[in-house]
Amino acid sequence: MIGFGFDVHRLAEGQSLVLAGVDIPSPVGTVAHSDGDVVLHALVDALLGAVAMGDIGEHFPDTDPQWKGAASSHFVEHTVGLLDSNGYRIINVDCTLVLESPKILPYRNQMRENIAQLCGLPVERVAVKATTSERLGYVGRKEGVHAFVACEVQLK
């Protein structure tokens, strides 16, 4: 089964930028109820979508105060546990970030390692890539960041 996830967050000064569990130095960061990690949010939606178990907003609503400032790794851990308890295993994860800056390459290996650990995968089954929007739209104006994640999940 294939899952696909997408997430987007506004960027603003004075906020932290956390991507795939890595705190990245940046003059702007994501505006969000949780830590605003677009990669992990898209991952949760991809995993849940692969097995038709809802979406991130259903499991972790931004109206629930318990998720205020929460690390998105908790969302992934819960989702992976949900899949496991229902007889599923994750085969691979493929992530694409879209942002103008900062450059992701210096952090990519740590991102891959974080996702691999959270999903119980060897790092060789996790891809993290980044691209820009060629200065077009809200991403091009550095007003936002988004991520796409695809994954494969199988019954055990």
C-alpha atoms as a PDB file:
ATOM      1  CA  MET A   1       0.000   0.000   0.000  1.00  0.00           C
ATOM      2  CA  ILE A   2       1.205   3.457  -0.896  1.00  0.00           C
ATOM      3  CA  GLY A   3       0.667   6.542   1.239  1.00  0.00           C
ATOM      4  CA  PHE A   4       1.073  10.193   0.353  1.00  0.00           C
ATOM      5  CA  GLY A   5       1.274  13.142   2.715  1.00  0.00           C
ATOM      6  CA  PHE A   6       1.562  16.903   2.358  1.00  0.00           C
ATOM      7  CA  ASP A   7       1.981  19.661   4.916  1.00  0.00           C
ATOM      8  CA  VAL A   8       2.576  23.391   4.795  1.00  0.00           C
ATOM      9  CA  HIS A   9       3.331  26.038   7.412  1.00  0.00           C
ATOM     10  CA  ARG A  10       3.841  29.769   7.364  1.00  0.00           C
ATOM     11  CA  LEU A  11       7.289  31.092   8.206  1.00  0.00           C
ATOM     12  CA  ALA A  12       7.837  33.986  10.594  1.00  0.00           C
ATOM     13  CA  GLU A  13      10.686  35.648  12.471  1.00  0.00           C
ATOM     14  CA  GLY A  14      11.207  34.546  16.054  1.00  0.00           C
ATOM     15  CA  GLN A  15      10.020  30.984  15.447  1.00  0.00           C
ATOM     16  CA  SER A  16      12.136  27.844  15.433  1.00  0.00           C
ATOM     17  CA  LEU A  17      12.627  25.794  12.276  1.00  0.00           C
ATOM     18  CA  VAL A  18      12.388  22.064  12.942  1.00  0.00           C
ATOM     19  CA  LEU A  19      12.519  19.756   9.927  1.00  0.00           C
ATOM     20  CA  ALA A  20      12.493  15.960  10.282  1.00  0.00           C
ATOM     21  CA  GLY A  21      13.330  16.395  13.943  1.00  0.00           C
ATOM     22  CA  VAL A  22      16.381  18.588  13.313  1.00  0.00           C
ATOM     23  CA  ASP A  23      16.471  22.100  14.791  1.00  0.00           C
ATOM     24  CA  ILE A  24      17.910  24.173  11.948  1.00  0.00           C
ATOM     25  CA  PRO A  25      19.427  27.616  12.520  1.00  0.00           C
ATOM     26  CA  SER A  26      17.330  30.115  10.575  1.00  0.00           C
ATOM     27  CA  PRO A  27      16.093  33.686  10.972  1.00  0.00           C
ATOM     28  CA  VAL A  28      12.549  32.371  10.377  1.00  0.00           C
ATOM     29  CA  GLY A  29      10.693  29.304  11.555  1.00  0.00           C
ATOM     30  CA  THR A  30       7.300  27.671  11.273  1.00  0.00           C
ATOM     31  CA  VAL A  31       4.144  29.068  12.815  1.00  0.00           C
ATOM     32  CA  ALA A  32       2.199  26.135  14.238  1.00  0.00           C
ATOM     33  CA  HIS A  33       0.311  24.696  17.191  1.00  0.00           C
ATOM     34  CA  SER A  34       2.953  21.972  17.645  1.00  0.00           C
ATOM     35  CA  ASP A  35       6.629  22.328  16.695  1.00  0.00           C
ATOM     36  CA  GLY A  36       5.541  22.810  13.061  1.00  0.00           C
ATOM     37  CA  ASP A  37       7.727  20.068  11.591  1.00  0.00           C
ATOM     38  CA  VAL A  38       6.265  19.876   8.070  1.00  0.00           C
ATOM     39  CA  VAL A  39       8.275  16.753   7.214  1.00  0.00           C
ATOM     40  CA  LEU A  40       7.035  14.714  10.160  1.00  0.00           C
ATOM     41  CA  HIS A  41       3.488  16.028   9.735  1.00  0.00           C
ATOM     42  CA  ALA A  42       3.467  14.938   6.089  1.00  0.00           C
ATOM     43  CA  LEU A  43       4.970  11.590   7.165  1.00  0.00           C
ATOM     44  CA  VAL A  44       2.126  10.998   9.613  1.00  0.00           C
ATOM     45  CA  ASP A  45      -0.440  11.738   6.901  1.00  0.00           C
ATOM     46  CA  ALA A  46       1.356   9.444   4.438  1.00  0.00           C
ATOM     47  CA  LEU A  47       1.449   6.556   6.919  1.00  0.00           C
ATOM     48  CA  LEU A  48      -2.174   7.009   7.983  1.00  0.00           C
ATOM     49  CA  GLY A  49      -3.261   7.398   4.370  1.00  0.00           C
ATOM     50  CA  ALA A  50      -1.529   4.183   3.314  1.00  0.00           C
ATOM     51  CA  VAL A  51      -3.757   2.208   5.661  1.00  0.00           C
ATOM     52  CA  ALA A  52      -6.867   4.450   5.491  1.00  0.00           C
ATOM     53  CA  MET A  53      -6.766   5.382   9.189  1.00  0.00           C
ATOM     54  CA  GLY A  54      -7.592   9.066   8.929  1.00  0.00           C
ATOM     55  CA  ASP A  55      -5.217  12.002   9.022  1.00  0.00           C
ATOM     56  CA  ILE A  56      -3.058  14.007  11.393  1.00  0.00           C
ATOM     57  CA  GLY A  57      -5.842  16.451  12.229  1.00  0.00           C
ATOM     58  CA  GLU A  58      -8.114  13.618  13.322  1.00  0.00           C
ATOM     59  CA  HIS A  59      -5.504  12.018  15.588  1.00  0.00           C
ATOM     60  CA  PHE A  60      -3.773  15.201  16.822  1.00  0.00           C
ATOM     61  CA  PRO A  61      -6.195  18.141  16.438  1.00  0.00           C
ATOM     62  CA  ASP A  62      -4.699  21.609  16.765  1.00  0.00           C
ATOM     63  CA  THR A  63      -7.668  22.504  18.955  1.00  0.00           C
ATOM     64  CA  ASP A  64      -6.422  20.130  21.662  1.00  0.00           C
ATOM     65  CA  PRO A  65      -4.178  21.969  24.145  1.00  0.00           C
ATOM     66  CA  GLN A  66      -2.163  18.808  24.896  1.00  0.00           C
ATOM     67  CA  TRP A  67      -0.476  19.171  21.485  1.00  0.00           C
ATOM     68  CA  LYS A  68       0.528  22.836  22.018  1.00  0.00           C
ATOM     69  CA  GLY A  69       4.273  22.989  21.323  1.00  0.00           C
ATOM     70  CA  ALA A  70       4.488  19.174  21.074  1.00  0.00           C
ATOM     71  CA  ALA A  71       7.404  17.539  19.301  1.00  0.00           C
ATOM     72  CA  SER A  72       6.123  16.030  16.055  1.00  0.00           C
ATOM     73  CA  SER A  73       8.195  12.928  16.785  1.00  0.00           C
ATOM     74  CA  HIS A  74       5.429  12.001  19.274  1.00  0.00           C
ATOM     75  CA  PHE A  75       2.918  12.046  16.417  1.00  0.00           C
ATOM     76  CA  VAL A  76       5.108   9.721  14.347  1.00  0.00           C
ATOM     77  CA  GLU A  77       5.761   7.370  17.282  1.00  0.00           C
ATOM     78  CA  HIS A  78       2.026   7.094  17.967  1.00  0.00           C
ATOM     79  CA  THR A  79       1.263   6.511  14.275  1.00  0.00           C
ATOM     80  CA  VAL A  80       3.968   3.858  13.872  1.00  0.00           C
ATOM     81  CA  GLY A  81       2.616   2.118  16.979  1.00  0.00           C
ATOM     82  CA  LEU A  82      -0.913   2.254  15.557  1.00  0.00           C
ATOM     83  CA  LEU A  83       0.249   0.674  12.305  1.00  0.00           C
ATOM     84  CA  ASP A  84       2.234  -1.982  14.161  1.00  0.00           C
ATOM     85  CA  SER A  85      -0.689  -2.920  16.412  1.00  0.00           C
ATOM     86  CA  ASN A  86      -2.869  -3.328  13.316  1.00  0.00           C
ATOM     87  CA  GLY A  87      -0.410  -5.670  11.613  1.00  0.00           C
ATOM     88  CA  TYR A  88       1.413  -3.272   9.271  1.00  0.00           C
ATOM     89  CA  ARG A  89       5.083  -2.595   8.684  1.00  0.00           C
ATOM     90  CA  ILE A  90       6.707   0.324   6.910  1.00  0.00           C
ATOM     91  CA  ILE A  91       8.838  -0.535   3.878  1.00  0.00           C
ATOM     92  CA  ASN A  92      10.258   2.854   2.882  1.00  0.00           C
ATOM     93  CA  VAL A  93       9.808   6.630   3.163  1.00  0.00           C
ATOM     94  CA  ASP A  94      10.548   9.297   0.532  1.00  0.00           C
ATOM     95  CA  CYS A  95      10.430  12.978   1.572  1.00  0.00           C
ATOM     96  CA  THR A  96      10.715  16.168  -0.472  1.00  0.00           C
ATOM     97  CA  LEU A  97      10.993  19.581   1.169  1.00  0.00           C
ATOM     98  CA  VAL A  98      10.206  22.759  -0.753  1.00  0.00           C
ATOM     99  CA  LEU A  99      11.800  25.935   0.641  1.00  0.00           C
ATOM    100  CA  GLU A 100      14.077  28.703  -0.549  1.00  0.00           C
ATOM    101  CA  SER A 101      16.427  28.695   2.439  1.00  0.00           C
ATOM    102  CA  PRO A 102      18.240  27.512   4.423  1.00  0.00           C
ATOM    103  CA  LYS A 103      20.019  24.792   2.479  1.00  0.00           C
ATOM    104  CA  ILE A 104      19.098  21.322   3.713  1.00  0.00           C
ATOM    105  CA  LEU A 105      22.117  19.337   2.534  1.00  0.00           C
ATOM    106  CA  PRO A 106      24.139  19.855   5.765  1.00  0.00           C
ATOM    107  CA  TYR A 107      21.229  18.395   7.784  1.00  0.00           C
ATOM    108  CA  ARG A 108      19.979  15.715   5.405  1.00  0.00           C
ATOM    109  CA  ASN A 109      21.778  12.743   6.935  1.00  0.00           C
ATOM    110  CA  GLN A 110      20.518  13.585  10.429  1.00  0.00           C
ATOM    111  CA  MET A 111      17.000  13.959   9.030  1.00  0.00           C
ATOM    112  CA  ARG A 112      17.235  10.546   7.371  1.00  0.00           C
ATOM    113  CA  GLU A 113      18.548   8.988  10.577  1.00  0.00           C
ATOM    114  CA  ASN A 114      15.743  10.549  12.653  1.00  0.00           C
ATOM    115  CA  ILE A 115      13.034   9.306  10.304  1.00  0.00           C
ATOM    116  CA  ALA A 116      14.621   5.861  10.056  1.00  0.00           C
ATOM    117  CA  GLN A 117      14.750   5.556  13.842  1.00  0.00           C
ATOM    118  CA  LEU A 118      11.156   6.718  14.281  1.00  0.00           C
ATOM    119  CA  CYS A 119       9.890   4.296  11.622  1.00  0.00           C
ATOM    120  CA  GLY A 120      12.075   1.333  12.584  1.00  0.00           C
ATOM    121  CA  LEU A 121      13.793   1.337   9.203  1.00  0.00           C
ATOM    122  CA  PRO A 122      17.376   1.113   8.030  1.00  0.00           C
ATOM    123  CA  VAL A 123      18.506   4.566   6.909  1.00  0.00           C
ATOM    124  CA  GLU A 124      18.963   3.210   3.369  1.00  0.00           C
ATOM    125  CA  ARG A 125      15.150   3.057   3.069  1.00  0.00           C
ATOM    126  CA  VAL A 126      14.656   6.748   3.881  1.00  0.00           C
ATOM    127  CA  ALA A 127      15.155   9.504   1.307  1.00  0.00           C
ATOM    128  CA  VAL A 128      15.170  13.224   2.077  1.00  0.00           C
ATOM    129  CA  LYS A 129      15.435  15.707  -0.767  1.00  0.00           C
ATOM    130  CA  ALA A 130      14.923  19.442  -1.034  1.00  0.00           C
ATOM    131  CA  THR A 131      14.142  21.869  -3.797  1.00  0.00           C
ATOM    132  CA  THR A 132      13.140  25.505  -4.156  1.00  0.00           C
ATOM    133  CA  SER A 133      10.151  26.986  -5.925  1.00  0.00           C
ATOM    134  CA  GLU A 134      12.424  29.127  -8.114  1.00  0.00           C
ATOM    135  CA  ARG A 135      11.345  32.192  -6.099  1.00  0.00           C
ATOM    136  CA  LEU A 136       7.699  31.715  -7.149  1.00  0.00           C
ATOM    137  CA  GLY A 137       4.712  31.944  -4.805  1.00  0.00           C
ATOM    138  CA  TYR A 138       4.673  31.941  -1.010  1.00  0.00           C
ATOM    139  CA  VAL A 139       7.658  29.596  -0.840  1.00  0.00           C
ATOM    140  CA  GLY A 140       9.617  31.814  -3.214  1.00  0.00           C
ATOM    141  CA  ARG A 141       8.847  34.844  -1.069  1.00  0.00           C
ATOM    142  CA  LYS A 142      10.077  32.868   1.984  1.00  0.00           C
ATOM    143  CA  GLU A 143       6.641  33.062   3.566  1.00  0.00           C
ATOM    144  CA  GLY A 144       6.174  29.320   3.890  1.00  0.00           C
ATOM    145  CA  VAL A 145       7.596  25.837   3.604  1.00  0.00           C
ATOM    146  CA  HIS A 146       5.974  22.605   2.550  1.00  0.00           C
ATOM    147  CA  ALA A 147       6.811  18.939   2.397  1.00  0.00           C
ATOM    148  CA  PHE A 148       5.630  15.930   0.411  1.00  0.00           C
ATOM    149  CA  VAL A 149       6.091  12.389   1.723  1.00  0.00           C
ATOM    150  CA  ALA A 150       5.402   9.077   0.039  1.00  0.00           C
ATOM    151  CA  CYS A 151       5.701   5.719   1.777  1.00  0.00           C
ATOM    152  CA  GLU A 152       5.046   2.051   1.267  1.00  0.00           C
ATOM    153  CA  VAL A 153       3.383  -0.018   3.965  1.00  0.00           C
ATOM    154  CA  GLN A 154       2.684  -3.775   3.941  1.00  0.00           C
ATOM    155  CA  LEU A 155       0.870  -6.256   6.088  1.00  0.00           C
ATOM    156  CA  LYS A 156       3.333  -8.189   8.234  1.00  0.00           C
END
